[in-house]
Amino acid sequence: MSPSITTPVSARTYSKQQKSQREVERSQSRHDEDVKEKNRLARVMEHKREFEERVVRRREAEYARLRVEREERLSQVLKARKEERDMKRKMLYYLRTEEERVTRLHEEEAQKRLGKTVFRFIVIFSSALIP
């Protein structure tokens, strides 16, 4: 083989080797960058988990507080309704007993008037009978 033919072959081989070497270097560089990115993301992931846990704890505390407030408001509303019912019941009882008392009083007064009228009638009638 002639030296001119080997030179282009070795130049092509050299070119291929150079190209291959650059590709290996780029691949190594990308790999190193990927490893750095992975490590960075691993640190960020830990912070992310901590942040999520804080958010979840804060939300749970907020929901618990809101639940307690809602239960207290509901309890107050129910207590107010019960007091209102009791007040109405007592008022109705008072009105009913007062009405009964007034009715009984009127009946007694009417009976007294009737008794006096009957007594007067008897007195007048008996005096008319006795000469």
N, C-alpha and C. Protein backbone atom coordinates (compact mmCIF):
# COMPACT_ATOMS: atom_id res chain seq x y z
N MET A 1 0.83 -1.16 0.00
CA MET A 1 0.00 0.00 0.00
C MET A 1 0.88 1.23 0.00
N SER A 2 0.33 2.20 -0.63
CA SER A 2 1.13 3.42 -0.76
C SER A 2 0.91 4.31 0.45
N PRO A 3 1.90 5.11 0.76
CA PRO A 3 1.78 5.97 1.94
C PRO A 3 0.67 7.00 1.77
N SER A 4 0.33 7.40 0.55
CA SER A 4 -0.72 8.40 0.36
C SER A 4 -2.09 7.82 0.71
N ILE A 5 -2.25 6.54 0.49
CA ILE A 5 -3.54 5.92 0.79
C ILE A 5 -3.66 5.73 2.31
N THR A 6 -2.57 5.36 2.96
CA THR A 6 -2.62 5.16 4.41
C THR A 6 -2.80 6.49 5.14
N THR A 7 -2.30 7.51 4.63
CA THR A 7 -2.43 8.80 5.30
C THR A 7 -3.88 9.22 5.36
N PRO A 8 -4.59 9.17 4.26
CA PRO A 8 -6.00 9.54 4.39
C PRO A 8 -6.74 8.58 5.31
N VAL A 9 -6.39 7.32 5.30
CA VAL A 9 -7.07 6.38 6.18
C VAL A 9 -6.73 6.73 7.62
N SER A 10 -5.49 6.95 7.89
CA SER A 10 -5.13 7.29 9.25
C SER A 10 -5.68 8.66 9.62
N ALA A 11 -5.80 9.57 8.66
CA ALA A 11 -6.40 10.88 8.93
C ALA A 11 -7.89 10.68 9.23
N ARG A 12 -8.53 9.82 8.46
CA ARG A 12 -9.93 9.53 8.73
C ARG A 12 -10.08 8.85 10.09
N THR A 13 -9.19 7.92 10.36
CA THR A 13 -9.23 7.24 11.64
C THR A 13 -8.97 8.24 12.76
N TYR A 14 -7.98 9.09 12.53
CA TYR A 14 -7.67 10.11 13.53
C TYR A 14 -8.88 11.03 13.73
N SER A 15 -9.50 11.40 12.63
CA SER A 15 -10.68 12.26 12.69
C SER A 15 -11.81 11.56 13.45
N LYS A 16 -11.99 10.27 13.16
CA LYS A 16 -13.01 9.51 13.87
C LYS A 16 -12.68 9.41 15.36
N GLN A 17 -11.42 9.17 15.64
CA GLN A 17 -11.00 9.07 17.04
C GLN A 17 -11.22 10.41 17.76
N GLN A 18 -10.87 11.48 17.06
CA GLN A 18 -11.06 12.81 17.64
C GLN A 18 -12.56 13.05 17.90
N LYS A 19 -13.34 12.72 16.90
CA LYS A 19 -14.78 12.90 17.02
C LYS A 19 -15.32 12.04 18.17
N SER A 20 -14.86 10.81 18.25
CA SER A 20 -15.27 9.90 19.30
C SER A 20 -14.82 10.44 20.66
N GLN A 21 -13.59 10.95 20.70
CA GLN A 21 -13.05 11.51 21.95
C GLN A 21 -13.89 12.72 22.40
N ARG A 22 -14.26 13.59 21.45
CA ARG A 22 -15.09 14.76 21.78
C ARG A 22 -16.48 14.30 22.29
N GLU A 23 -16.99 13.28 21.65
CA GLU A 23 -18.29 12.75 22.08
C GLU A 23 -18.19 12.19 23.49
N VAL A 24 -17.09 11.46 23.78
CA VAL A 24 -16.89 10.92 25.13
C VAL A 24 -16.77 12.06 26.14
N GLU A 25 -16.03 13.09 25.78
CA GLU A 25 -15.85 14.24 26.67
C GLU A 25 -17.19 14.96 26.92
N ARG A 26 -17.96 15.14 25.84
CA ARG A 26 -19.28 15.76 26.00
C ARG A 26 -20.19 14.89 26.86
N SER A 27 -20.11 13.61 26.64
CA SER A 27 -20.93 12.69 27.42
C SER A 27 -20.51 12.74 28.89
N GLN A 28 -19.23 12.76 29.14
CA GLN A 28 -18.71 12.85 30.51
C GLN A 28 -19.14 14.17 31.16
N SER A 29 -19.05 15.23 30.38
CA SER A 29 -19.45 16.54 30.87
C SER A 29 -20.94 16.55 31.21
N ARG A 30 -21.77 16.01 30.32
CA ARG A 30 -23.21 15.93 30.59
C ARG A 30 -23.49 15.07 31.81
N HIS A 31 -22.75 13.99 31.93
CA HIS A 31 -22.92 13.11 33.08
C HIS A 31 -22.59 13.86 34.37
N ASP A 32 -21.47 14.58 34.36
CA ASP A 32 -21.08 15.34 35.56
C ASP A 32 -22.14 16.40 35.90
N GLU A 33 -22.65 17.06 34.88
CA GLU A 33 -23.70 18.07 35.10
C GLU A 33 -24.98 17.40 35.64
N ASP A 34 -25.30 16.24 35.08
CA ASP A 34 -26.49 15.52 35.55
C ASP A 34 -26.34 15.09 37.01
N VAL A 35 -25.14 14.64 37.39
CA VAL A 35 -24.89 14.23 38.78
C VAL A 35 -25.01 15.44 39.69
N LYS A 36 -24.44 16.56 39.27
CA LYS A 36 -24.56 17.79 40.07
C LYS A 36 -26.03 18.19 40.22
N GLU A 37 -26.77 18.13 39.13
CA GLU A 37 -28.20 18.47 39.14
C GLU A 37 -28.97 17.51 40.04
N LYS A 38 -28.61 16.23 39.98
CA LYS A 38 -29.28 15.24 40.83
C LYS A 38 -29.03 15.56 42.30
N ASN A 39 -27.80 15.87 42.65
CA ASN A 39 -27.48 16.21 44.04
C ASN A 39 -28.22 17.47 44.49
N ARG A 40 -28.26 18.47 43.61
CA ARG A 40 -28.97 19.70 43.92
C ARG A 40 -30.46 19.41 44.14
N LEU A 41 -31.04 18.61 43.24
CA LEU A 41 -32.44 18.27 43.37
C LEU A 41 -32.72 17.44 44.63
N ALA A 42 -31.77 16.60 44.99
CA ALA A 42 -31.94 15.79 46.22
C ALA A 42 -32.01 16.73 47.43
N ARG A 43 -31.14 17.75 47.47
CA ARG A 43 -31.18 18.72 48.57
C ARG A 43 -32.50 19.51 48.52
N VAL A 44 -32.90 19.91 47.32
CA VAL A 44 -34.14 20.67 47.16
C VAL A 44 -35.33 19.79 47.56
N MET A 45 -35.27 18.53 47.22
CA MET A 45 -36.37 17.61 47.54
C MET A 45 -36.55 17.51 49.05
N GLU A 46 -35.45 17.48 49.79
CA GLU A 46 -35.54 17.43 51.24
C GLU A 46 -36.22 18.69 51.77
N HIS A 47 -35.84 19.84 51.25
CA HIS A 47 -36.47 21.11 51.64
C HIS A 47 -37.95 21.13 51.23
N LYS A 48 -38.22 20.54 50.08
CA LYS A 48 -39.60 20.49 49.60
C LYS A 48 -40.46 19.67 50.56
N ARG A 49 -39.95 18.52 50.97
CA ARG A 49 -40.69 17.67 51.91
C ARG A 49 -40.93 18.39 53.24
N GLU A 50 -39.88 19.06 53.73
CA GLU A 50 -40.03 19.81 54.97
C GLU A 50 -41.09 20.91 54.81
N PHE A 51 -41.05 21.60 53.68
CA PHE A 51 -42.02 22.66 53.42
C PHE A 51 -43.44 22.09 53.36
N GLU A 52 -43.60 20.97 52.64
CA GLU A 52 -44.92 20.34 52.54
C GLU A 52 -45.42 19.93 53.92
N GLU A 53 -44.54 19.37 54.75
CA GLU A 53 -44.94 18.96 56.09
C GLU A 53 -45.38 20.17 56.92
N ARG A 54 -44.63 21.28 56.81
CA ARG A 54 -45.02 22.50 57.52
C ARG A 54 -46.38 23.00 57.06
N VAL A 55 -46.58 22.98 55.74
CA VAL A 55 -47.86 23.44 55.19
C VAL A 55 -48.99 22.55 55.69
N VAL A 56 -48.78 21.25 55.66
CA VAL A 56 -49.82 20.31 56.11
C VAL A 56 -50.12 20.52 57.59
N ARG A 57 -49.08 20.68 58.42
CA ARG A 57 -49.30 20.92 59.85
C ARG A 57 -50.06 22.23 60.07
N ARG A 58 -49.67 23.26 59.35
CA ARG A 58 -50.32 24.56 59.48
C ARG A 58 -51.80 24.46 59.07
N ARG A 59 -52.05 23.76 57.97
CA ARG A 59 -53.44 23.61 57.51
C ARG A 59 -54.26 22.79 58.49
N GLU A 60 -53.66 21.71 59.02
CA GLU A 60 -54.38 20.89 59.99
C GLU A 60 -54.73 21.72 61.23
N ALA A 61 -53.78 22.53 61.68
CA ALA A 61 -54.03 23.39 62.84
C ALA A 61 -55.14 24.39 62.52
N GLU A 62 -55.09 24.96 61.34
CA GLU A 62 -56.11 25.93 60.92
C GLU A 62 -57.48 25.27 60.84
N TYR A 63 -57.54 24.08 60.24
CA TYR A 63 -58.82 23.37 60.14
C TYR A 63 -59.34 22.99 61.52
N ALA A 64 -58.45 22.58 62.41
CA ALA A 64 -58.87 22.23 63.76
C ALA A 64 -59.41 23.47 64.47
N ARG A 65 -58.74 24.60 64.32
CA ARG A 65 -59.20 25.85 64.93
C ARG A 65 -60.57 26.24 64.37
N LEU A 66 -60.71 26.14 63.06
CA LEU A 66 -61.99 26.49 62.44
C LEU A 66 -63.10 25.55 62.89
N ARG A 67 -62.78 24.27 63.03
CA ARG A 67 -63.76 23.29 63.49
C ARG A 67 -64.21 23.62 64.91
N VAL A 68 -63.25 23.96 65.78
CA VAL A 68 -63.59 24.31 67.16
C VAL A 68 -64.46 25.56 67.18
N GLU A 69 -64.09 26.57 66.37
CA GLU A 69 -64.89 27.80 66.30
C GLU A 69 -66.31 27.50 65.81
N ARG A 70 -66.41 26.66 64.79
CA ARG A 70 -67.73 26.30 64.25
C ARG A 70 -68.56 25.57 65.30
N GLU A 71 -67.93 24.64 66.03
CA GLU A 71 -68.64 23.91 67.07
C GLU A 71 -69.09 24.85 68.18
N GLU A 72 -68.23 25.83 68.54
CA GLU A 72 -68.61 26.79 69.57
C GLU A 72 -69.79 27.65 69.11
N ARG A 73 -69.73 28.13 67.86
CA ARG A 73 -70.84 28.92 67.33
C ARG A 73 -72.12 28.11 67.31
N LEU A 74 -72.03 26.87 66.87
CA LEU A 74 -73.20 25.99 66.83
C LEU A 74 -73.74 25.77 68.24
N SER A 75 -72.84 25.55 69.19
CA SER A 75 -73.25 25.36 70.57
C SER A 75 -73.95 26.61 71.09
N GLN A 76 -73.42 27.78 70.77
CA GLN A 76 -74.05 29.03 71.21
C GLN A 76 -75.43 29.20 70.57
N VAL A 77 -75.54 28.88 69.29
CA VAL A 77 -76.83 28.99 68.61
C VAL A 77 -77.84 28.03 69.24
N LEU A 78 -77.42 26.80 69.48
CA LEU A 78 -78.32 25.82 70.10
C LEU A 78 -78.72 26.25 71.51
N LYS A 79 -77.76 26.79 72.26
CA LYS A 79 -78.05 27.27 73.61
C LYS A 79 -79.05 28.43 73.55
N ALA A 80 -78.84 29.34 72.61
CA ALA A 80 -79.76 30.49 72.47
C ALA A 80 -81.16 29.99 72.10
N ARG A 81 -81.24 29.04 71.20
CA ARG A 81 -82.55 28.49 70.82
C ARG A 81 -83.24 27.82 72.00
N LYS A 82 -82.46 27.07 72.79
CA LYS A 82 -83.03 26.39 73.96
C LYS A 82 -83.53 27.43 74.96
N GLU A 83 -82.73 28.48 75.19
CA GLU A 83 -83.15 29.53 76.12
C GLU A 83 -84.42 30.21 75.60
N GLU A 84 -84.48 30.41 74.30
CA GLU A 84 -85.66 31.03 73.71
C GLU A 84 -86.89 30.13 73.90
N ARG A 85 -86.72 28.83 73.65
CA ARG A 85 -87.83 27.88 73.85
C ARG A 85 -88.27 27.88 75.32
N ASP A 86 -87.29 27.84 76.23
CA ASP A 86 -87.62 27.85 77.65
C ASP A 86 -88.37 29.12 78.03
N MET A 87 -87.89 30.25 77.49
CA MET A 87 -88.53 31.53 77.79
C MET A 87 -89.98 31.54 77.27
N LYS A 88 -90.18 31.04 76.06
CA LYS A 88 -91.54 30.96 75.50
C LYS A 88 -92.41 30.05 76.34
N ARG A 89 -91.86 28.90 76.72
CA ARG A 89 -92.61 27.94 77.52
C ARG A 89 -93.00 28.55 78.86
N LYS A 90 -92.05 29.24 79.51
CA LYS A 90 -92.35 29.87 80.79
C LYS A 90 -93.37 31.00 80.61
N MET A 91 -93.24 31.76 79.53
CA MET A 91 -94.17 32.84 79.26
C MET A 91 -95.58 32.28 79.03
N LEU A 92 -95.67 31.22 78.25
CA LEU A 92 -96.98 30.60 78.02
C LEU A 92 -97.57 30.06 79.32
N TYR A 93 -96.72 29.45 80.14
CA TYR A 93 -97.19 28.94 81.43
C TYR A 93 -97.70 30.08 82.29
N TYR A 94 -96.93 31.17 82.35
CA TYR A 94 -97.34 32.33 83.14
C TYR A 94 -98.67 32.90 82.62
N LEU A 95 -98.76 33.07 81.30
CA LEU A 95 -99.99 33.61 80.72
C LEU A 95 -101.18 32.70 81.01
N ARG A 96 -100.98 31.40 80.87
CA ARG A 96 -102.06 30.44 81.11
C ARG A 96 -102.49 30.48 82.58
N THR A 97 -101.54 30.47 83.50
CA THR A 97 -101.89 30.50 84.92
C THR A 97 -102.52 31.84 85.30
N GLU A 98 -102.01 32.92 84.72
CA GLU A 98 -102.58 34.24 84.98
C GLU A 98 -104.03 34.31 84.46
N GLU A 99 -104.22 33.77 83.27
CA GLU A 99 -105.57 33.75 82.70
C GLU A 99 -106.50 32.91 83.58
N GLU A 100 -106.01 31.77 84.07
CA GLU A 100 -106.82 30.93 84.95
C GLU A 100 -107.13 31.67 86.26
N ARG A 101 -106.14 32.37 86.79
CA ARG A 101 -106.34 33.11 88.03
C ARG A 101 -107.39 34.21 87.84
N VAL A 102 -107.26 34.96 86.73
CA VAL A 102 -108.21 36.03 86.45
C VAL A 102 -109.61 35.45 86.24
N THR A 103 -109.69 34.36 85.51
CA THR A 103 -110.99 33.71 85.28
C THR A 103 -111.58 33.26 86.60
N ARG A 104 -110.78 32.63 87.44
CA ARG A 104 -111.26 32.16 88.75
C ARG A 104 -111.70 33.34 89.61
N LEU A 105 -110.94 34.43 89.56
CA LEU A 105 -111.29 35.62 90.32
C LEU A 105 -112.63 36.19 89.85
N HIS A 106 -112.79 36.27 88.52
CA HIS A 106 -114.06 36.76 87.97
C HIS A 106 -115.22 35.84 88.37
N GLU A 107 -114.95 34.55 88.34
CA GLU A 107 -116.00 33.60 88.72
C GLU A 107 -116.36 33.78 90.19
N GLU A 108 -115.36 33.95 91.05
CA GLU A 108 -115.62 34.14 92.48
C GLU A 108 -116.41 35.44 92.71
N GLU A 109 -115.99 36.50 91.99
CA GLU A 109 -116.69 37.77 92.14
C GLU A 109 -118.13 37.64 91.64
N ALA A 110 -118.29 36.94 90.52
CA ALA A 110 -119.64 36.74 89.98
C ALA A 110 -120.47 35.93 90.95
N GLN A 111 -119.83 34.93 91.55
CA GLN A 111 -120.55 34.09 92.49
C GLN A 111 -120.92 34.89 93.75
N LYS A 112 -120.02 35.74 94.20
CA LYS A 112 -120.31 36.58 95.35
C LYS A 112 -121.47 37.52 95.03
N ARG A 113 -121.40 38.15 93.80
CA ARG A 113 -122.49 39.03 93.40
C ARG A 113 -123.80 38.24 93.31
N LEU A 114 -123.69 37.07 92.71
CA LEU A 114 -124.88 36.24 92.59
C LEU A 114 -125.40 35.84 93.96
N GLY A 115 -124.46 35.50 94.85
CA GLY A 115 -124.84 35.13 96.22
C GLY A 115 -125.51 36.29 96.93
N LYS A 116 -124.98 37.48 96.80
CA LYS A 116 -125.58 38.65 97.42
C LYS A 116 -126.94 38.92 96.80
N THR A 117 -127.00 38.77 95.47
CA THR A 117 -128.27 39.00 94.79
C THR A 117 -129.27 37.98 95.25
N VAL A 118 -128.88 36.73 95.35
CA VAL A 118 -129.78 35.67 95.81
C VAL A 118 -130.19 35.95 97.25
N PHE A 119 -129.19 36.35 98.07
CA PHE A 119 -129.47 36.65 99.46
C PHE A 119 -130.46 37.80 99.56
N ARG A 120 -130.22 38.87 98.76
CA ARG A 120 -131.14 40.00 98.74
C ARG A 120 -132.52 39.57 98.27
N PHE A 121 -132.50 38.73 97.23
CA PHE A 121 -133.76 38.25 96.70
C PHE A 121 -134.52 37.48 97.78
N ILE A 122 -133.78 36.62 98.50
CA ILE A 122 -134.40 35.83 99.55
C ILE A 122 -134.92 36.77 100.65
N VAL A 123 -134.11 37.73 101.02
CA VAL A 123 -134.50 38.66 102.06
C VAL A 123 -135.74 39.44 101.61
N ILE A 124 -135.69 39.94 100.40
CA ILE A 124 -136.81 40.72 99.88
C ILE A 124 -138.03 39.81 99.75
N PHE A 125 -137.83 38.66 99.23
CA PHE A 125 -138.94 37.72 99.02
C PHE A 125 -139.51 37.29 100.36
N SER A 126 -138.65 36.98 101.31
CA SER A 126 -139.14 36.54 102.61
C SER A 126 -139.81 37.68 103.37
N SER A 127 -139.31 38.87 103.22
CA SER A 127 -139.93 40.00 103.89
C SER A 127 -141.30 40.30 103.27
N ALA A 128 -141.43 39.99 102.01
CA ALA A 128 -142.72 40.19 101.35
C ALA A 128 -143.69 39.13 101.82
N LEU A 129 -143.20 37.97 102.16
CA LEU A 129 -144.05 36.90 102.63
C LEU A 129 -144.46 37.11 104.09
N ILE A 130 -143.62 37.70 104.87
CA ILE A 130 -143.89 37.89 106.29
C ILE A 130 -144.59 39.25 106.43
N PRO A 131 -145.87 39.25 106.91
CA PRO A 131 -146.61 40.51 107.09
C PRO A 131 -146.28 41.21 108.35
